[in-house]
């Protein structure tokens, strides 16, 4: 699962894409979450993608994305989640 958030004119948008192990797209989603910070947008994108994957019973999830952790900091995230 890849996730991302963005801010344009103080409006936050979230999105994620989930692919199978062959790289074929299984699901894509994006949402406008109104006036929020980039931290909130990135976190909501991650949460939404994980919630969908878990709800559908997809047992192994590789997560790629980044979380903004301050003015000059970005934390890259790569995690394997298994159930």
Protein backbone atom coordinates (compact mmCIF):
# COMPACT_ATOMS: atom_id res chain seq x y z
CA UNK A 1 0.00 0.00 0.00
CA UNK A 2 1.27 3.45 -0.90
CA UNK A 3 -0.26 6.43 0.86
CA UNK A 4 0.11 10.20 0.69
CA UNK A 5 -1.45 13.42 1.86
CA UNK A 6 -1.28 16.91 0.41
CA UNK A 7 -2.28 20.45 1.26
CA UNK A 8 -3.42 23.02 -1.31
CA UNK A 9 -4.80 26.36 -0.12
CA UNK A 10 -5.15 24.97 3.43
CA UNK A 11 -7.34 22.10 2.16
CA UNK A 12 -6.06 18.60 2.88
CA UNK A 13 -6.43 15.62 0.57
CA UNK A 14 -5.55 12.01 1.37
CA UNK A 15 -5.06 9.03 -0.85
CA UNK A 16 -3.79 5.51 -1.06
CA UNK A 17 -3.32 2.75 -3.62
CA UNK A 18 -3.23 -0.95 -2.82
CA UNK A 19 -1.59 -3.39 -5.25
CA UNK A 20 -1.19 -7.15 -5.20
CA UNK A 21 2.22 -8.85 -5.19
CA UNK A 22 2.33 -8.65 -9.00
CA UNK A 23 1.85 -4.88 -8.91
CA UNK A 24 -1.72 -4.90 -10.20
CA UNK A 25 -3.93 -2.23 -8.66
CA UNK A 26 -6.60 -3.65 -6.37
CA UNK A 27 -8.00 -0.45 -4.89
CA UNK A 28 -7.49 3.32 -5.07
CA UNK A 29 -9.11 5.94 -2.87
CA UNK A 30 -8.78 9.68 -2.27
CA UNK A 31 -10.64 12.05 0.02
CA UNK A 32 -10.80 15.75 0.77
CA UNK A 33 -10.67 16.13 4.56
CA UNK A 34 -11.00 19.90 4.70
CA UNK A 35 -8.73 22.31 6.50
CA UNK A 36 -6.00 20.26 8.21
CA UNK A 37 -2.25 19.98 8.60
CA UNK A 38 0.04 17.84 6.45
CA UNK A 39 0.61 15.61 9.50
CA UNK A 40 -3.11 14.91 9.75
CA UNK A 41 -3.42 14.32 5.99
CA UNK A 42 -0.56 11.79 5.94
CA UNK A 43 -1.86 10.01 9.05
CA UNK A 44 -5.44 9.78 7.75
CA UNK A 45 -4.21 8.41 4.42
CA UNK A 46 -2.25 5.70 6.25
CA UNK A 47 -5.15 4.90 8.59
CA UNK A 48 -7.73 4.73 5.77
CA UNK A 49 -5.59 2.44 3.63
CA UNK A 50 -4.85 0.10 6.51
CA UNK A 51 -8.49 0.00 7.58
CA UNK A 52 -9.62 -1.03 4.09
CA UNK A 53 -6.91 -3.68 3.73
CA UNK A 54 -7.65 -5.19 7.12
CA UNK A 55 -11.42 -5.05 6.52
CA UNK A 56 -10.97 -7.00 3.29
CA UNK A 57 -8.88 -9.62 5.04
CA UNK A 58 -5.66 -8.97 3.15
CA UNK A 59 -3.20 -10.64 5.51
CA UNK A 60 0.19 -9.31 4.46
CA UNK A 61 0.45 -5.59 3.80
CA UNK A 62 3.62 -3.77 2.77
CA UNK A 63 3.27 -0.07 3.58
CA UNK A 64 5.26 2.63 1.83
CA UNK A 65 4.89 6.35 2.43
CA UNK A 66 6.20 9.26 4.44
CA UNK A 67 5.12 11.14 7.52
CA UNK A 68 6.13 14.76 8.04
CA UNK A 69 7.62 15.12 11.50
CA UNK A 70 8.59 18.78 11.56
CA UNK A 71 9.74 21.71 9.50
CA UNK A 72 12.87 20.01 8.11
CA UNK A 73 12.06 16.39 8.75
CA UNK A 74 10.32 13.61 6.89
CA UNK A 75 10.20 10.04 8.17
CA UNK A 76 9.99 7.39 5.46
CA UNK A 77 7.89 4.40 6.42
CA UNK A 78 8.27 0.87 5.11
CA UNK A 79 6.50 -1.79 7.15
CA UNK A 80 5.25 -5.33 6.61
CA UNK A 81 2.02 -5.99 8.48
CA UNK A 82 0.82 -9.57 8.84
CA UNK A 83 -2.29 -10.95 10.47
